[in-house]
Each structure stands twice: as C-alpha cells, then as structure tokens.
Amino acid sequence: MILTPEQEMIRESLRAFAQERLAPFAGEWDRNHSFPADALRELGELGALGMVVPEQWGGAGMDYMSLVLVIE
C-alpha cells in the first residue's frame, strides 16, 4: 500500500501509542468494560479524534485513509 508521508507518520505514531499506552492494559479494560478518560484525552491530543471533520468545524479535515490507519 502506498501512503503519503503524513499517513506514514500517523500510522507510526498511533501504532507506538497503542503499543505503549493501550496494549498493556487492554485485557484489564476489556474485563472491566472500561476505557480510561486519560487515554481518550491522549488520543485527542495525538489528533486521532475528529480527524475527518472539516477544519471549518474544528476538525483536522483529513482523508478517510488516515482515519482507517488510526482505527487499524
């Protein structure tokens, strides 16, 4: 798959975040049916939330392929 440099950066930064901040606790969160607000806040700070929302409405105005990379 050919990605733009920006998409590569998104993929790598979110992959690192998931491995370091989410994966070690995922089983516990799943068992407790919870997800901590601080992790959600960090995802927002990384730009993972609202990324396909147009800039005029406060989003990043990015493409859906970038969103797919975040979800992956």
PDB file of N, CA and C in Angstrom:
ATOM      1  N   MET A   1       0.848  -1.166   0.000  1.00  0.00           N
ATOM      2  CA  MET A   1       0.000   0.000   0.000  1.00  0.00           C
ATOM      3  C   MET A   1       0.901   1.238   0.000  1.00  0.00           C
ATOM      4  N   ILE A   2       0.580   2.176  -0.814  1.00  0.00           N
ATOM      5  CA  ILE A   2       1.358   3.412  -0.900  1.00  0.00           C
ATOM      6  C   ILE A   2       0.676   4.472  -0.048  1.00  0.00           C
ATOM      7  N   LEU A   3       1.415   4.992   0.913  1.00  0.00           N
ATOM      8  CA  LEU A   3       0.897   6.024   1.809  1.00  0.00           C
ATOM      9  C   LEU A   3       1.685   7.303   1.626  1.00  0.00           C
ATOM     10  N   THR A   4       1.028   8.421   1.894  1.00  0.00           N
ATOM     11  CA  THR A   4       1.731   9.699   1.870  1.00  0.00           C
ATOM     12  C   THR A   4       2.641   9.776   3.106  1.00  0.00           C
ATOM     13  N   PRO A   5       3.616  10.660   3.087  1.00  0.00           N
ATOM     14  CA  PRO A   5       4.455  10.818   4.283  1.00  0.00           C
ATOM     15  C   PRO A   5       3.632  11.143   5.538  1.00  0.00           C
ATOM     16  N   GLU A   6       2.593  11.948   5.381  1.00  0.00           N
ATOM     17  CA  GLU A   6       1.735  12.285   6.518  1.00  0.00           C
ATOM     18  C   GLU A   6       1.001  11.048   7.042  1.00  0.00           C
ATOM     19  N   GLN A   7       0.515  10.220   6.138  1.00  0.00           N
ATOM     20  CA  GLN A   7      -0.169   8.999   6.547  1.00  0.00           C
ATOM     21  C   GLN A   7       0.793   8.028   7.235  1.00  0.00           C
ATOM     22  N   GLU A   8       2.018   7.947   6.737  1.00  0.00           N
ATOM     23  CA  GLU A   8       3.039   7.101   7.384  1.00  0.00           C
ATOM     24  C   GLU A   8       3.286   7.574   8.814  1.00  0.00           C
ATOM     25  N   MET A   9       3.381   8.894   8.993  1.00  0.00           N
ATOM     26  CA  MET A   9       3.608   9.460  10.314  1.00  0.00           C
ATOM     27  C   MET A   9       2.444   9.132  11.249  1.00  0.00           C
ATOM     28  N   ILE A  10       1.231   9.260  10.748  1.00  0.00           N
ATOM     29  CA  ILE A  10       0.038   8.938  11.539  1.00  0.00           C
ATOM     30  C   ILE A  10       0.076   7.479  11.951  1.00  0.00           C
ATOM     31  N   ARG A  11       0.351   6.612  10.995  1.00  0.00           N
ATOM     32  CA  ARG A  11       0.373   5.178  11.290  1.00  0.00           C
ATOM     33  C   ARG A  11       1.425   4.840  12.341  1.00  0.00           C
ATOM     34  N   GLU A  12       2.606   5.359  12.184  1.00  0.00           N
ATOM     35  CA  GLU A  12       3.682   5.035  13.113  1.00  0.00           C
ATOM     36  C   GLU A  12       3.451   5.625  14.506  1.00  0.00           C
ATOM     37  N   SER A  13       2.990   6.861  14.566  1.00  0.00           N
ATOM     38  CA  SER A  13       2.792   7.471  15.882  1.00  0.00           C
ATOM     39  C   SER A  13       1.640   6.816  16.638  1.00  0.00           C
ATOM     40  N   LEU A  14       0.557   6.477  15.944  1.00  0.00           N
ATOM     41  CA  LEU A  14      -0.560   5.817  16.621  1.00  0.00           C
ATOM     42  C   LEU A  14      -0.237   4.370  16.963  1.00  0.00           C
ATOM     43  N   ARG A  15       0.557   3.711  16.136  1.00  0.00           N
ATOM     44  CA  ARG A  15       0.977   2.342  16.450  1.00  0.00           C
ATOM     45  C   ARG A  15       1.820   2.344  17.722  1.00  0.00           C
ATOM     46  N   ALA A  16       2.756   3.268  17.816  1.00  0.00           N
ATOM     47  CA  ALA A  16       3.607   3.359  19.009  1.00  0.00           C
ATOM     48  C   ALA A  16       2.764   3.664  20.244  1.00  0.00           C
ATOM     49  N   PHE A  17       1.830   4.587  20.119  1.00  0.00           N
ATOM     50  CA  PHE A  17       0.948   4.923  21.233  1.00  0.00           C
ATOM     51  C   PHE A  17       0.164   3.697  21.689  1.00  0.00           C
ATOM     52  N   ALA A  18      -0.406   2.973  20.734  1.00  0.00           N
ATOM     53  CA  ALA A  18      -1.206   1.798  21.071  1.00  0.00           C
ATOM     54  C   ALA A  18      -0.362   0.729  21.762  1.00  0.00           C
ATOM     55  N   GLN A  19       0.839   0.516  21.277  1.00  0.00           N
ATOM     56  CA  GLN A  19       1.705  -0.498  21.876  1.00  0.00           C
ATOM     57  C   GLN A  19       2.159  -0.111  23.279  1.00  0.00           C
ATOM     58  N   GLU A  20       2.436   1.165  23.470  1.00  0.00           N
ATOM     59  CA  GLU A  20       2.972   1.617  24.755  1.00  0.00           C
ATOM     60  C   GLU A  20       1.898   1.935  25.790  1.00  0.00           C
ATOM     61  N   ARG A  21       0.811   2.548  25.353  1.00  0.00           N
ATOM     62  CA  ARG A  21      -0.169   3.073  26.303  1.00  0.00           C
ATOM     63  C   ARG A  21      -1.473   2.278  26.384  1.00  0.00           C
ATOM     64  N   LEU A  22      -1.789   1.514  25.341  1.00  0.00           N
ATOM     65  CA  LEU A  22      -3.069   0.808  25.336  1.00  0.00           C
ATOM     66  C   LEU A  22      -2.918  -0.704  25.500  1.00  0.00           C
ATOM     67  N   ALA A  23      -2.063  -1.308  24.712  1.00  0.00           N
ATOM     68  CA  ALA A  23      -1.942  -2.770  24.708  1.00  0.00           C
ATOM     69  C   ALA A  23      -1.668  -3.376  26.086  1.00  0.00           C
ATOM     70  N   PRO A  24      -0.781  -2.789  26.897  1.00  0.00           N
ATOM     71  CA  PRO A  24      -0.504  -3.411  28.197  1.00  0.00           C
ATOM     72  C   PRO A  24      -1.720  -3.501  29.125  1.00  0.00           C
ATOM     73  N   PHE A  25      -2.714  -2.683  28.900  1.00  0.00           N
ATOM     74  CA  PHE A  25      -3.870  -2.619  29.791  1.00  0.00           C
ATOM     75  C   PHE A  25      -5.166  -3.080  29.132  1.00  0.00           C
ATOM     76  N   ALA A  26      -5.109  -3.422  27.867  1.00  0.00           N
ATOM     77  CA  ALA A  26      -6.323  -3.722  27.097  1.00  0.00           C
ATOM     78  C   ALA A  26      -7.134  -4.859  27.701  1.00  0.00           C
ATOM     79  N   GLY A  27      -6.475  -5.904  28.147  1.00  0.00           N
ATOM     80  CA  GLY A  27      -7.198  -7.032  28.740  1.00  0.00           C
ATOM     81  C   GLY A  27      -7.962  -6.628  29.986  1.00  0.00           C
ATOM     82  N   GLU A  28      -7.306  -5.858  30.835  1.00  0.00           N
ATOM     83  CA  GLU A  28      -7.954  -5.377  32.072  1.00  0.00           C
ATOM     84  C   GLU A  28      -9.151  -4.493  31.751  1.00  0.00           C
ATOM     85  N   TRP A  29      -8.969  -3.576  30.809  1.00  0.00           N
ATOM     86  CA  TRP A  29     -10.071  -2.677  30.438  1.00  0.00           C
ATOM     87  C   TRP A  29     -11.231  -3.465  29.858  1.00  0.00           C
ATOM     88  N   ASP A  30     -10.897  -4.473  29.067  1.00  0.00           N
ATOM     89  CA  ASP A  30     -11.951  -5.288  28.469  1.00  0.00           C
ATOM     90  C   ASP A  30     -12.729  -6.035  29.554  1.00  0.00           C
ATOM     91  N   ARG A  31     -12.000  -6.620  30.490  1.00  0.00           N
ATOM     92  CA  ARG A  31     -12.676  -7.344  31.586  1.00  0.00           C
ATOM     93  C   ARG A  31     -13.548  -6.416  32.422  1.00  0.00           C
ATOM     94  N   ASN A  32     -13.107  -5.180  32.601  1.00  0.00           N
ATOM     95  CA  ASN A  32     -13.840  -4.210  33.422  1.00  0.00           C
ATOM     96  C   ASN A  32     -14.847  -3.382  32.619  1.00  0.00           C
ATOM     97  N   HIS A  33     -14.917  -3.640  31.322  1.00  0.00           N
ATOM     98  CA  HIS A  33     -15.816  -2.872  30.446  1.00  0.00           C
ATOM     99  C   HIS A  33     -15.579  -1.374  30.614  1.00  0.00           C
ATOM    100  N   SER A  34     -14.305  -0.986  30.545  1.00  0.00           N
ATOM    101  CA  SER A  34     -13.959   0.418  30.761  1.00  0.00           C
ATOM    102  C   SER A  34     -12.877   0.857  29.788  1.00  0.00           C
ATOM    103  N   PHE A  35     -12.734   2.148  29.678  1.00  0.00           N
ATOM    104  CA  PHE A  35     -11.647   2.766  28.914  1.00  0.00           C
ATOM    105  C   PHE A  35     -11.370   4.094  29.599  1.00  0.00           C
ATOM    106  N   PRO A  36     -10.147   4.310  30.059  1.00  0.00           N
ATOM    107  CA  PRO A  36      -9.863   5.490  30.864  1.00  0.00           C
ATOM    108  C   PRO A  36      -9.922   6.805  30.077  1.00  0.00           C
ATOM    109  N   ALA A  37     -10.452   7.804  30.735  1.00  0.00           N
ATOM    110  CA  ALA A  37     -10.584   9.124  30.118  1.00  0.00           C
ATOM    111  C   ALA A  37      -9.227   9.703  29.732  1.00  0.00           C
ATOM    112  N   ASP A  38      -8.187   9.417  30.520  1.00  0.00           N
ATOM    113  CA  ASP A  38      -6.873   9.978  30.178  1.00  0.00           C
ATOM    114  C   ASP A  38      -6.339   9.399  28.873  1.00  0.00           C
ATOM    115  N   ALA A  39      -6.614   8.131  28.591  1.00  0.00           N
ATOM    116  CA  ALA A  39      -6.194   7.545  27.320  1.00  0.00           C
ATOM    117  C   ALA A  39      -6.958   8.179  26.164  1.00  0.00           C
ATOM    118  N   LEU A  40      -8.233   8.414  26.361  1.00  0.00           N
ATOM    119  CA  LEU A  40      -9.040   9.076  25.339  1.00  0.00           C
ATOM    120  C   LEU A  40      -8.535  10.495  25.103  1.00  0.00           C
ATOM    121  N   ARG A  41      -8.195  11.174  26.176  1.00  0.00           N
ATOM    122  CA  ARG A  41      -7.643  12.527  26.072  1.00  0.00           C
ATOM    123  C   ARG A  41      -6.343  12.517  25.269  1.00  0.00           C
ATOM    124  N   GLU A  42      -5.490  11.546  25.543  1.00  0.00           N
ATOM    125  CA  GLU A  42      -4.222  11.439  24.816  1.00  0.00           C
ATOM    126  C   GLU A  42      -4.453  11.170  23.332  1.00  0.00           C
ATOM    127  N   LEU A  43      -5.437  10.343  23.019  1.00  0.00           N
ATOM    128  CA  LEU A  43      -5.775  10.111  21.613  1.00  0.00           C
ATOM    129  C   LEU A  43      -6.195  11.414  20.939  1.00  0.00           C
ATOM    130  N   GLY A  44      -6.956  12.226  21.659  1.00  0.00           N
ATOM    131  CA  GLY A  44      -7.348  13.526  21.128  1.00  0.00           C
ATOM    132  C   GLY A  44      -6.153  14.430  20.903  1.00  0.00           C
ATOM    133  N   GLU A  45      -5.220  14.422  21.842  1.00  0.00           N
ATOM    134  CA  GLU A  45      -4.012  15.244  21.707  1.00  0.00           C
ATOM    135  C   GLU A  45      -3.153  14.803  20.522  1.00  0.00           C
ATOM    136  N   LEU A  46      -3.212  13.510  20.200  1.00  0.00           N
ATOM    137  CA  LEU A  46      -2.479  12.995  19.042  1.00  0.00           C
ATOM    138  C   LEU A  46      -3.190  13.311  17.727  1.00  0.00           C
ATOM    139  N   GLY A  47      -4.406  13.806  17.820  1.00  0.00           N
ATOM    140  CA  GLY A  47      -5.158  14.152  16.623  1.00  0.00           C
ATOM    141  C   GLY A  47      -6.010  13.021  16.084  1.00  0.00           C
ATOM    142  N   ALA A  48      -6.188  11.962  16.874  1.00  0.00           N
ATOM    143  CA  ALA A  48      -6.939  10.797  16.399  1.00  0.00           C
ATOM    144  C   ALA A  48      -8.449  11.004  16.425  1.00  0.00           C
ATOM    145  N   LEU A  49      -8.926  12.014  17.114  1.00  0.00           N
ATOM    146  CA  LEU A  49     -10.365  12.261  17.210  1.00  0.00           C
ATOM    147  C   LEU A  49     -10.737  13.457  16.338  1.00  0.00           C
ATOM    148  N   GLY A  50     -11.778  13.330  15.584  1.00  0.00           N
ATOM    149  CA  GLY A  50     -12.230  14.440  14.742  1.00  0.00           C
ATOM    150  C   GLY A  50     -11.357  14.698  13.534  1.00  0.00           C
ATOM    151  N   MET A  51     -10.576  13.713  13.149  1.00  0.00           N
ATOM    152  CA  MET A  51      -9.629  13.970  12.068  1.00  0.00           C
ATOM    153  C   MET A  51     -10.289  14.133  10.701  1.00  0.00           C
ATOM    154  N   VAL A  52     -11.454  13.537  10.471  1.00  0.00           N
ATOM    155  CA  VAL A  52     -12.115  13.705   9.174  1.00  0.00           C
ATOM    156  C   VAL A  52     -13.164  14.822   9.200  1.00  0.00           C
ATOM    157  N   VAL A  53     -13.340  15.447  10.343  1.00  0.00           N
ATOM    158  CA  VAL A  53     -14.257  16.578  10.442  1.00  0.00           C
ATOM    159  C   VAL A  53     -13.596  17.773   9.729  1.00  0.00           C
ATOM    160  N   PRO A  54     -14.333  18.485   8.891  1.00  0.00           N
ATOM    161  CA  PRO A  54     -13.748  19.628   8.191  1.00  0.00           C
ATOM    162  C   PRO A  54     -13.153  20.659   9.162  1.00  0.00           C
ATOM    163  N   GLU A  55     -12.087  21.289   8.723  1.00  0.00           N
ATOM    164  CA  GLU A  55     -11.407  22.292   9.547  1.00  0.00           C
ATOM    165  C   GLU A  55     -12.338  23.415   9.977  1.00  0.00           C
ATOM    166  N   GLN A  56     -13.265  23.796   9.117  1.00  0.00           N
ATOM    167  CA  GLN A  56     -14.187  24.890   9.437  1.00  0.00           C
ATOM    168  C   GLN A  56     -15.062  24.565  10.642  1.00  0.00           C
ATOM    169  N   TRP A  57     -15.165  23.279  10.967  1.00  0.00           N
ATOM    170  CA  TRP A  57     -15.963  22.859  12.126  1.00  0.00           C
ATOM    171  C   TRP A  57     -15.089  22.365  13.267  1.00  0.00           C
ATOM    172  N   GLY A  58     -13.810  22.693  13.224  1.00  0.00           N
ATOM    173  CA  GLY A  58     -12.905  22.356  14.319  1.00  0.00           C
ATOM    174  C   GLY A  58     -12.160  21.046  14.191  1.00  0.00           C
ATOM    175  N   GLY A  59     -12.313  20.368  13.071  1.00  0.00           N
ATOM    176  CA  GLY A  59     -11.604  19.109  12.859  1.00  0.00           C
ATOM    177  C   GLY A  59     -10.302  19.323  12.120  1.00  0.00           C
ATOM    178  N   ALA A  60      -9.696  18.236  11.726  1.00  0.00           N
ATOM    179  CA  ALA A  60      -8.420  18.296  11.020  1.00  0.00           C
ATOM    180  C   ALA A  60      -8.587  18.286   9.503  1.00  0.00           C
ATOM    181  N   GLY A  61      -9.780  17.914   9.023  1.00  0.00           N
ATOM    182  CA  GLY A  61     -10.033  17.911   7.579  1.00  0.00           C
ATOM    183  C   GLY A  61      -9.199  16.890   6.823  1.00  0.00           C
ATOM    184  N   MET A  62      -8.890  15.774   7.464  1.00  0.00           N
ATOM    185  CA  MET A  62      -8.054  14.759   6.830  1.00  0.00           C
ATOM    186  C   MET A  62      -8.908  13.762   6.052  1.00  0.00           C
ATOM    187  N   ASP A  63      -8.228  12.917   5.299  1.00  0.00           N
ATOM    188  CA  ASP A  63      -8.910  11.929   4.465  1.00  0.00           C
ATOM    189  C   ASP A  63      -9.264  10.675   5.269  1.00  0.00           C
ATOM    190  N   TYR A  64     -10.138   9.870   4.684  1.00  0.00           N
ATOM    191  CA  TYR A  64     -10.612   8.668   5.373  1.00  0.00           C
ATOM    192  C   TYR A  64      -9.544   7.587   5.465  1.00  0.00           C
ATOM    193  N   MET A  65      -8.589   7.582   4.565  1.00  0.00           N
ATOM    194  CA  MET A  65      -7.495   6.616   4.667  1.00  0.00           C
ATOM    195  C   MET A  65      -6.713   6.858   5.957  1.00  0.00           C
ATOM    196  N   SER A  66      -6.521   8.112   6.330  1.00  0.00           N
ATOM    197  CA  SER A  66      -5.840   8.425   7.581  1.00  0.00           C
ATOM    198  C   SER A  66      -6.646   7.907   8.770  1.00  0.00           C
ATOM    199  N   LEU A  67      -7.953   8.028   8.704  1.00  0.00           N
ATOM    200  CA  LEU A  67      -8.817   7.507   9.768  1.00  0.00           C
ATOM    201  C   LEU A  67      -8.700   5.989   9.855  1.00  0.00           C
ATOM    202  N   VAL A  68      -8.663   5.325   8.719  1.00  0.00           N
ATOM    203  CA  VAL A  68      -8.508   3.871   8.705  1.00  0.00           C
ATOM    204  C   VAL A  68      -7.197   3.475   9.379  1.00  0.00           C
ATOM    205  N   LEU A  69      -6.142   4.232   9.143  1.00  0.00           N
ATOM    206  CA  LEU A  69      -4.852   3.934   9.767  1.00  0.00           C
ATOM    207  C   LEU A  69      -4.925   4.077  11.283  1.00  0.00           C
ATOM    208  N   VAL A  70      -5.691   5.036  11.759  1.00  0.00           N
ATOM    209  CA  VAL A  70      -5.866   5.211  13.209  1.00  0.00           C
ATOM    210  C   VAL A  70      -6.650   4.038  13.785  1.00  0.00           C
ATOM    211  N   ILE A  71      -7.704   3.649  13.123  1.00  0.00           N
ATOM    212  CA  ILE A  71      -8.544   2.552  13.601  1.00  0.00           C
ATOM    213  C   ILE A  71      -7.775   1.237  13.596  1.00  0.00           C
ATOM    214  N   GLU A  72      -6.944   1.058  12.594  1.00  0.00           N
ATOM    215  CA  GLU A  72      -6.156  -0.164  12.484  1.00  0.00           C
ATOM    216  C   GLU A  72      -5.291  -0.339  13.715  1.00  0.00           C
TER     217      GLU A  72
END
